[in-house]
C-alpha atoms as a PDB file:
ATOM      1  CA  MET A   1       4.513  13.662  42.218  1.00  0.00           C
ATOM      2  CA  GLY A   2       3.156  10.378  42.132  1.00  0.00           C
ATOM      3  CA  GLY A   3       6.051   9.239  44.054  1.00  0.00           C
ATOM      4  CA  PRO A   4       8.910   5.877  43.828  1.00  0.00           C
ATOM      5  CA  ALA A   5       6.369   3.325  43.213  1.00  0.00           C
ATOM      6  CA  LEU A   6       4.724   4.987  40.215  1.00  0.00           C
ATOM      7  CA  ALA A   7       7.712   5.716  38.684  1.00  0.00           C
ATOM      8  CA  SER A   8       8.331   1.634  38.900  1.00  0.00           C
ATOM      9  CA  LYS A   9       5.741   0.554  37.023  1.00  0.00           C
ATOM     10  CA  LYS A  10       5.682  -1.502  33.649  1.00  0.00           C
ATOM     11  CA  SER A  11       4.686   0.021  30.390  1.00  0.00           C
ATOM     12  CA  VAL A  12       2.346  -3.561  30.811  1.00  0.00           C
ATOM     13  CA  ASP A  13       0.395  -2.320  33.557  1.00  0.00           C
ATOM     14  CA  SER A  14      -3.013  -1.228  32.018  1.00  0.00           C
ATOM     15  CA  GLY A  15      -4.001   1.502  34.168  1.00  0.00           C
ATOM     16  CA  THR A  16      -7.356   3.008  34.837  1.00  0.00           C
ATOM     17  CA  ASP A  17      -8.239   4.627  31.691  1.00  0.00           C
ATOM     18  CA  SER A  18      -6.463   1.635  29.409  1.00  0.00           C
ATOM     19  CA  ARG A  19      -8.562  -0.136  26.959  1.00  0.00           C
ATOM     20  CA  VAL A  20      -6.572  -3.292  26.753  1.00  0.00           C
ATOM     21  CA  HIS A  21      -8.946  -6.380  28.156  1.00  0.00           C
ATOM     22  CA  THR A  22      -7.503  -8.099  30.973  1.00  0.00           C
ATOM     23  CA  ASP A  23      -9.415 -10.215  32.184  1.00  0.00           C
ATOM     24  CA  ALA A  24     -10.310 -13.539  30.805  1.00  0.00           C
ATOM     25  CA  MET A  25      -8.401 -13.015  28.113  1.00  0.00           C
ATOM     26  CA  GLY A  26      -5.162 -12.302  29.517  1.00  0.00           C
ATOM     27  CA  ALA A  27      -3.195  -9.125  30.211  1.00  0.00           C
ATOM     28  CA  THR A  28      -1.215  -9.502  26.291  1.00  0.00           C
ATOM     29  CA  SER A  29      -4.148  -9.829  24.793  1.00  0.00           C
ATOM     30  CA  LEU A  30      -5.677  -6.444  22.620  1.00  0.00           C
ATOM     31  CA  ARG A  31      -9.039  -5.640  21.527  1.00  0.00           C
ATOM     32  CA  SER A  32      -9.307  -5.405  17.732  1.00  0.00           C
ATOM     33  CA  GLY A  33      -9.631  -1.304  18.214  1.00  0.00           C
ATOM     34  CA  GLU A  34      -6.797  -1.092  20.188  1.00  0.00           C
ATOM     35  CA  VAL A  35      -4.791  -2.987  17.313  1.00  0.00           C
ATOM     36  CA  GLY A  36      -6.397  -0.662  14.917  1.00  0.00           C
ATOM     37  CA  ARG A  37      -5.525   2.188  16.881  1.00  0.00           C
ATOM     38  CA  LEU A  38      -1.654   1.187  17.426  1.00  0.00           C
ATOM     39  CA  THR A  39      -0.816   0.560  13.747  1.00  0.00           C
ATOM     40  CA  GLY A  40      -3.036   3.100  11.886  1.00  0.00           C
ATOM     41  CA  VAL A  41      -6.031   0.433  10.636  1.00  0.00           C
ATOM     42  CA  SER A  42      -9.727  -0.107  10.457  1.00  0.00           C
ATOM     43  CA  ALA A  43     -11.478  -2.470  12.392  1.00  0.00           C
ATOM     44  CA  ASP A  44     -12.758  -3.903   8.870  1.00  0.00           C
ATOM     45  CA  THR A  45      -9.150  -3.994   7.662  1.00  0.00           C
ATOM     46  CA  LEU A  46      -8.686  -6.272  10.869  1.00  0.00           C
ATOM     47  CA  ARG A  47     -11.319  -8.162   9.875  1.00  0.00           C
ATOM     48  CA  HIS A  48     -10.194  -8.719   5.930  1.00  0.00           C
ATOM     49  CA  TYR A  49      -7.058  -9.525   7.058  1.00  0.00           C
ATOM     50  CA  GLU A  50      -8.208 -12.054   9.979  1.00  0.00           C
ATOM     51  CA  ARG A  51     -10.335 -14.233   6.776  1.00  0.00           C
ATOM     52  CA  LEU A  52      -6.842 -13.921   4.450  1.00  0.00           C
ATOM     53  CA  GLY A  53      -5.186 -15.545   7.418  1.00  0.00           C
ATOM     54  CA  ILE A  54      -2.818 -12.077   7.491  1.00  0.00           C
ATOM     55  CA  LEU A  55      -3.664 -12.298  11.629  1.00  0.00           C
ATOM     56  CA  PRO A  56      -4.453 -15.641  13.452  1.00  0.00           C
ATOM     57  CA  THR A  57      -8.405 -15.785  14.186  1.00  0.00           C
ATOM     58  CA  SER A  58      -8.781 -13.428  17.051  1.00  0.00           C
ATOM     59  CA  GLN A  59     -11.062 -15.220  20.667  1.00  0.00           C
ATOM     60  CA  ARG A  60     -14.160 -13.419  21.302  1.00  0.00           C
ATOM     61  CA  THR A  61     -15.288 -12.397  24.676  1.00  0.00           C
ATOM     62  CA  ASP A  62     -18.423 -12.897  26.434  1.00  0.00           C
ATOM     63  CA  GLY A  63     -20.044  -9.751  24.756  1.00  0.00           C
ATOM     64  CA  GLY A  64     -17.861 -10.451  21.317  1.00  0.00           C
ATOM     65  CA  TYR A  65     -15.683  -8.218  21.242  1.00  0.00           C
ATOM     66  CA  ARG A  66     -12.101  -9.374  19.037  1.00  0.00           C
ATOM     67  CA  MET A  67      -9.542  -9.735  20.861  1.00  0.00           C
ATOM     68  CA  PHE A  68      -5.625 -10.372  19.493  1.00  0.00           C
ATOM     69  CA  PRO A  69      -2.423 -11.417  20.827  1.00  0.00           C
ATOM     70  CA  ALA A  70      -0.175  -8.926  21.018  1.00  0.00           C
ATOM     71  CA  SER A  71       1.921 -10.151  18.662  1.00  0.00           C
ATOM     72  CA  ALA A  72      -1.150  -8.757  16.302  1.00  0.00           C
ATOM     73  CA  VAL A  73       0.086  -5.855  16.176  1.00  0.00           C
ATOM     74  CA  ASP A  74       3.648  -6.752  14.379  1.00  0.00           C
ATOM     75  CA  ARG A  75       1.922  -8.805  11.479  1.00  0.00           C
ATOM     76  CA  VAL A  76      -0.174  -5.507  10.648  1.00  0.00           C
ATOM     77  CA  GLN A  77       2.927  -3.670  10.974  1.00  0.00           C
ATOM     78  CA  LEU A  78       4.490  -6.501   9.158  1.00  0.00           C
ATOM     79  CA  ALA A  79       1.499  -6.324   6.448  1.00  0.00           C
ATOM     80  CA  GLN A  80       1.560  -2.858   5.751  1.00  0.00           C
ATOM     81  CA  ARG A  81       5.402  -2.720   4.885  1.00  0.00           C
ATOM     82  CA  ALA A  82       4.857  -5.433   3.054  1.00  0.00           C
ATOM     83  CA  LEU A  83       1.950  -3.780   1.070  1.00  0.00           C
ATOM     84  CA  GLN A  84       3.919  -1.009   0.670  1.00  0.00           C
ATOM     85  CA  LEU A  85       6.946  -2.943  -0.782  1.00  0.00           C
ATOM     86  CA  GLY A  86       4.736  -4.182  -3.341  1.00  0.00           C
ATOM     87  CA  PHE A  87       3.755  -7.645  -2.127  1.00  0.00           C
ATOM     88  CA  SER A  88      -0.447  -8.223  -2.812  1.00  0.00           C
ATOM     89  CA  LEU A  89      -2.165  -9.272   0.011  1.00  0.00           C
ATOM     90  CA  ASN A  90      -2.858 -13.104  -1.443  1.00  0.00           C
ATOM     91  CA  GLU A  91       0.757 -13.797  -1.546  1.00  0.00           C
ATOM     92  CA  LEU A  92       1.278 -12.357   2.216  1.00  0.00           C
ATOM     93  CA  SER A  93      -1.399 -14.500   2.856  1.00  0.00           C
ATOM     94  CA  ASP A  94       0.376 -17.593   1.648  1.00  0.00           C
ATOM     95  CA  ILE A  95       4.224 -16.854   2.975  1.00  0.00           C
ATOM     96  CA  LEU A  96       2.323 -16.262   6.684  1.00  0.00           C
ATOM     97  CA  ARG A  97       0.359 -19.197   5.994  1.00  0.00           C
ATOM     98  CA  THR A  98       3.351 -20.873   5.108  1.00  0.00           C
ATOM     99  CA  ARG A  99       5.255 -19.997   7.682  1.00  0.00           C
ATOM    100  CA  ASP A 100       2.194 -20.503  10.468  1.00  0.00           C
ATOM    101  CA  ASN A 101       2.511 -24.256   9.542  1.00  0.00           C
ATOM    102  CA  GLY A 102       5.649 -24.455  10.575  1.00  0.00           C
ATOM    103  CA  GLY A 103       6.963 -23.946   6.545  1.00  0.00           C
ATOM    104  CA  VAL A 104      10.303 -22.161   5.031  1.00  0.00           C
ATOM    105  CA  PRO A 105       8.362 -19.077   2.508  1.00  0.00           C
ATOM    106  CA  CYS A 106      12.243 -17.743   2.894  1.00  0.00           C
ATOM    107  CA  HIS A 107      13.357 -18.416  -0.871  1.00  0.00           C
ATOM    108  CA  ARG A 108       9.969 -17.572  -1.876  1.00  0.00           C
ATOM    109  CA  VAL A 109      10.044 -14.991  -0.266  1.00  0.00           C
ATOM    110  CA  LEU A 110      13.444 -13.598  -2.066  1.00  0.00           C
ATOM    111  CA  ASN A 111      11.667 -14.356  -5.189  1.00  0.00           C
ATOM    112  CA  LEU A 112       9.248 -11.929  -4.952  1.00  0.00           C
ATOM    113  CA  THR A 113      10.910  -9.174  -4.078  1.00  0.00           C
ATOM    114  CA  GLU A 114      13.467  -9.453  -6.460  1.00  0.00           C
ATOM    115  CA  GLU A 115      10.485  -9.733  -9.426  1.00  0.00           C
ATOM    116  CA  LYS A 116       9.014  -6.456  -7.444  1.00  0.00           C
ATOM    117  CA  LEU A 117      12.927  -4.790  -7.524  1.00  0.00           C
ATOM    118  CA  ARG A 118      12.573  -5.081 -11.089  1.00  0.00           C
ATOM    119  CA  SER A 119       9.421  -4.460 -11.573  1.00  0.00           C
ATOM    120  CA  LEU A 120       9.691  -0.686  -9.946  1.00  0.00           C
ATOM    121  CA  GLY A 121      13.154  -0.650 -11.632  1.00  0.00           C
ATOM    122  CA  GLN A 122      10.940  -0.603 -15.140  1.00  0.00           C
ATOM    123  CA  GLN A 123       8.288   1.422 -13.352  1.00  0.00           C
ATOM    124  CA  ILE A 124      10.727   4.450 -12.393  1.00  0.00           C
ATOM    125  CA  THR A 125      12.596   4.307 -16.225  1.00  0.00           C
ATOM    126  CA  ALA A 126       8.744   4.305 -17.519  1.00  0.00           C
ATOM    127  CA  LEU A 127       8.311   8.081 -15.104  1.00  0.00           C
ATOM    128  CA  GLN A 128      11.664   9.310 -16.439  1.00  0.00           C
ATOM    129  CA  GLN A 129      10.696   9.056 -19.875  1.00  0.00           C
ATOM    130  CA  THR A 130       7.081   9.954 -19.175  1.00  0.00           C
ATOM    131  CA  GLN A 131       8.975  13.431 -17.002  1.00  0.00           C
ATOM    132  CA  SER A 132      11.141  14.052 -20.149  1.00  0.00           C
ATOM    133  CA  TYR A 133       7.970  14.326 -22.244  1.00  0.00           C
ATOM    134  CA  MET A 134       6.339  16.382 -19.990  1.00  0.00           C
ATOM    135  CA  ARG A 135       9.629  19.019 -19.678  1.00  0.00           C
ATOM    136  CA  LYS A 136       9.217  19.321 -23.483  1.00  0.00           C
ATOM    137  CA  LEU A 137       5.652  19.278 -23.479  1.00  0.00           C
ATOM    138  CA  VAL A 138       6.189  21.910 -20.923  1.00  0.00           C
ATOM    139  CA  ARG A 139       8.602  23.885 -23.678  1.00  0.00           C
ATOM    140  CA  ASP A 140       6.656  24.047 -26.398  1.00  0.00           C
ATOM    141  CA  TRP A 141       3.518  24.206 -25.118  1.00  0.00           C
ATOM    142  CA  LYS A 142       5.133  27.900 -23.221  1.00  0.00           C
ATOM    143  CA  ARG A 143       6.260  28.788 -26.622  1.00  0.00           C
ATOM    144  CA  THR A 144       2.648  28.021 -28.199  1.00  0.00           C
ATOM    145  CA  LEU A 145       1.194  30.089 -25.606  1.00  0.00           C
ATOM    146  CA  LYS A 146       3.929  33.104 -26.119  1.00  0.00           C
ATOM    147  CA  ARG A 147       2.524  33.223 -30.133  1.00  0.00           C
ATOM    148  CA  THR A 148      -0.822  32.940 -28.988  1.00  0.00           C
ATOM    149  CA  SER A 149      -2.760  36.252 -29.273  1.00  0.00           C
ATOM    150  CA  PRO A 150      -4.614  36.354 -25.881  1.00  0.00           C
ATOM    151  CA  GLY A 151      -8.175  35.411 -25.742  1.00  0.00           C
ATOM    152  CA  SER A 152      -7.426  33.219 -28.404  1.00  0.00           C
ATOM    153  CA  LYS A 153      -7.742  29.263 -28.189  1.00  0.00           C
ATOM    154  CA  ALA A 154      -3.844  27.499 -28.170  1.00  0.00           C
ATOM    155  CA  MET A 155      -5.752  23.811 -28.860  1.00  0.00           C
ATOM    156  CA  LEU A 156      -2.859  22.544 -26.384  1.00  0.00           C
ATOM    157  CA  LEU A 157      -4.566  19.282 -25.294  1.00  0.00           C
ATOM    158  CA  HIS A 158      -4.877  19.029 -29.436  1.00  0.00           C
ATOM    159  CA  SER A 159      -1.586  18.630 -29.417  1.00  0.00           C
ATOM    160  CA  LEU A 160      -1.323  15.067 -27.641  1.00  0.00           C
ATOM    161  CA  VAL A 161      -3.057  13.568 -30.397  1.00  0.00           C
ATOM    162  CA  GLU A 162      -0.438  12.372 -32.902  1.00  0.00           C
ATOM    163  CA  LYS A 163      -0.872  13.206 -36.314  1.00  0.00           C
ATOM    164  CA  PRO A 164       0.871  11.688 -39.175  1.00  0.00           C
ATOM    165  CA  LYS A 165       4.480  13.159 -40.231  1.00  0.00           C
ATOM    166  CA  THR A 166       3.787  12.880 -44.350  1.00  0.00           C
ATOM    167  CA  LYS A 167       1.402  12.519 -46.383  1.00  0.00           C
ATOM    168  CA  SER A 168       3.310   8.986 -47.025  1.00  0.00           C
ATOM    169  CA  THR A 169       1.885   7.927 -43.815  1.00  0.00           C
ATOM    170  CA  ALA A 170      -0.883   9.191 -43.672  1.00  0.00           C
ATOM    171  CA  ASN A 171      -1.683   7.169 -46.805  1.00  0.00           C
ATOM    172  CA  ASN A 172      -0.366   4.007 -45.440  1.00  0.00           C
ATOM    173  CA  LEU A 173      -2.584   4.228 -42.276  1.00  0.00           C
ATOM    174  CA  LYS A 174      -5.482   4.898 -44.313  1.00  0.00           C
ATOM    175  CA  ARG A 175      -4.140   1.391 -46.428  1.00  0.00           C
ATOM    176  CA  ARG A 176      -3.856  -0.544 -42.544  1.00  0.00           C
ATOM    177  CA  SER A 177      -7.510   0.341 -41.433  1.00  0.00           C
ATOM    178  CA  ARG A 178      -8.678  -0.869 -44.816  1.00  0.00           C
ATOM    179  CA  SER A 179      -7.372  -4.013 -44.504  1.00  0.00           C
END
């Protein structure tokens, strides 16, 4: 169809329909819209990343378009994945700035990741406890609904409010509230 010359073209070729800006900025520069399209983030997010130092300061075309090096795509993907793992934008900004200035933030990255892993374990435990509680709640509410006559209120949500177990517990609560 297009002949052997067309088949041998590299993917770097911007083609006639490409939005890759190839003149004064160089063939490896991308407009912010292209970086956004390739990474799935908005232009606002890119501007925010640039302000925080997660992305390098963009160059501008004569028309005012932001131009990023092609490596910005990897940098945005790194940021998005780090955010999924629980890194904050400030942590990420500090780490990347340290690295960009020739520093070695590897131990800090490891320590932060270990903290996030511990926190995740605690969250999982809490979620499992909540799941167990909700299973019991569903069983109890099903029994309650079976005993409730049609058209009558079962007051299911009211069972979520803890009530004193015994009369002495109620008295202790009253004494504490007066103190």
